[in-house]
């Protein structure tokens, strides 16, 4: 076992920050994935195609939202910087 100083030097987290491994099925994302797979197993091919189209549309919407939120946050940061360090 390495000493605490050696572990800290190499950037290893201290014991109080280490988290035990969690099985993928117990995480929220794992639960959603399992439910999605169970749903997909019960669908017809036409329903699966519709579900895939829905997922694609939702992904495109999420990407657009992320771009918009980033742009708004960046604008706010520039304004704050201009007020603090501007003329």
Protein backbone atom coordinates (compact mmCIF):
# COMPACT_ATOMS: atom_id res chain seq x y z
CA UNK A 1 0.00 0.00 0.00
CA UNK A 2 1.30 3.45 -0.90
CA UNK A 3 1.75 6.11 1.71
CA UNK A 4 -0.71 8.97 1.83
CA UNK A 5 1.92 11.46 0.69
CA UNK A 6 2.77 9.32 -2.35
CA UNK A 7 -0.91 8.94 -3.22
CA UNK A 8 -1.48 12.69 -2.95
CA UNK A 9 1.63 13.40 -5.04
CA UNK A 10 0.31 11.26 -7.88
CA UNK A 11 -3.14 12.85 -7.66
CA UNK A 12 -4.98 9.90 -6.20
CA UNK A 13 -8.06 10.91 -4.19
CA UNK A 14 -7.91 10.59 -0.43
CA UNK A 15 -9.88 7.72 1.12
CA UNK A 16 -12.74 10.04 2.14
CA UNK A 17 -13.28 10.99 -1.54
CA UNK A 18 -13.10 7.48 -2.97
CA UNK A 19 -16.42 6.05 -4.00
CA UNK A 20 -17.12 2.34 -4.13
CA UNK A 21 -17.95 1.02 -7.59
CA UNK A 22 -21.66 1.01 -8.32
CA UNK A 23 -23.12 -1.60 -10.66
CA UNK A 24 -24.36 0.01 -13.89
CA UNK A 25 -27.89 -1.27 -13.31
CA UNK A 26 -28.15 0.77 -10.09
CA UNK A 27 -27.29 4.13 -11.61
CA UNK A 28 -30.10 6.32 -12.96
CA UNK A 29 -28.66 6.07 -16.46
CA UNK A 30 -28.45 2.28 -16.12
CA UNK A 31 -32.09 2.13 -15.06
CA UNK A 32 -33.16 4.25 -18.03
CA UNK A 33 -31.09 2.10 -20.37
CA UNK A 34 -32.62 -1.11 -19.02
CA UNK A 35 -36.14 0.28 -19.32
CA UNK A 36 -35.43 1.44 -22.89
CA UNK A 37 -34.13 -2.01 -23.85
CA UNK A 38 -37.20 -3.65 -22.29
CA UNK A 39 -39.46 -1.30 -24.23
CA UNK A 40 -37.60 -1.87 -27.49
CA UNK A 41 -38.02 -5.62 -27.09
CA UNK A 42 -41.81 -5.26 -27.11
CA UNK A 43 -42.13 -2.92 -30.10
CA UNK A 44 -42.88 -3.73 -33.71
CA UNK A 45 -40.37 -2.61 -36.38
CA UNK A 46 -42.56 0.38 -37.29
CA UNK A 47 -42.78 1.41 -33.63
CA UNK A 48 -39.02 1.00 -33.23
CA UNK A 49 -38.46 3.30 -36.22
CA UNK A 50 -40.79 5.87 -34.67
CA UNK A 51 -38.98 5.63 -31.33
CA UNK A 52 -35.62 6.13 -33.07
CA UNK A 53 -37.00 9.18 -34.90
CA UNK A 54 -38.20 10.56 -31.57
CA UNK A 55 -34.79 9.99 -29.99
CA UNK A 56 -33.07 11.72 -32.91
CA UNK A 57 -35.39 14.72 -32.67
CA UNK A 58 -34.84 14.94 -28.93
CA UNK A 59 -31.04 14.81 -29.40
CA UNK A 60 -31.19 17.62 -31.97
CA UNK A 61 -33.32 19.73 -29.64
CA UNK A 62 -30.91 19.12 -26.72
CA UNK A 63 -27.91 20.13 -28.86
CA UNK A 64 -29.63 23.36 -29.88
CA UNK A 65 -30.49 24.11 -26.24
CA UNK A 66 -26.88 23.52 -25.21
CA UNK A 67 -25.61 25.89 -27.90
CA UNK A 68 -28.12 28.55 -26.88
CA UNK A 69 -27.29 28.26 -23.17
CA UNK A 70 -23.55 28.41 -23.88
CA UNK A 71 -23.97 31.51 -26.04
CA UNK A 72 -26.09 33.23 -23.38
CA UNK A 73 -23.59 32.40 -20.65
CA UNK A 74 -20.67 33.55 -22.77
CA UNK A 75 -22.41 36.86 -23.52
CA UNK A 76 -23.07 37.38 -19.82
CA UNK A 77 -19.42 36.64 -19.02
CA UNK A 78 -18.22 39.12 -21.62
CA UNK A 79 -20.55 41.79 -20.23
CA UNK A 80 -19.32 41.16 -16.69
CA UNK A 81 -15.72 41.35 -17.86
CA UNK A 82 -16.41 44.56 -19.74
CA UNK A 83 -18.00 46.10 -16.66
CA UNK A 84 -15.16 45.04 -14.37
CA UNK A 85 -12.20 45.75 -16.61
CA UNK A 86 -13.69 48.06 -19.23
CA UNK A 87 -13.42 51.77 -19.60
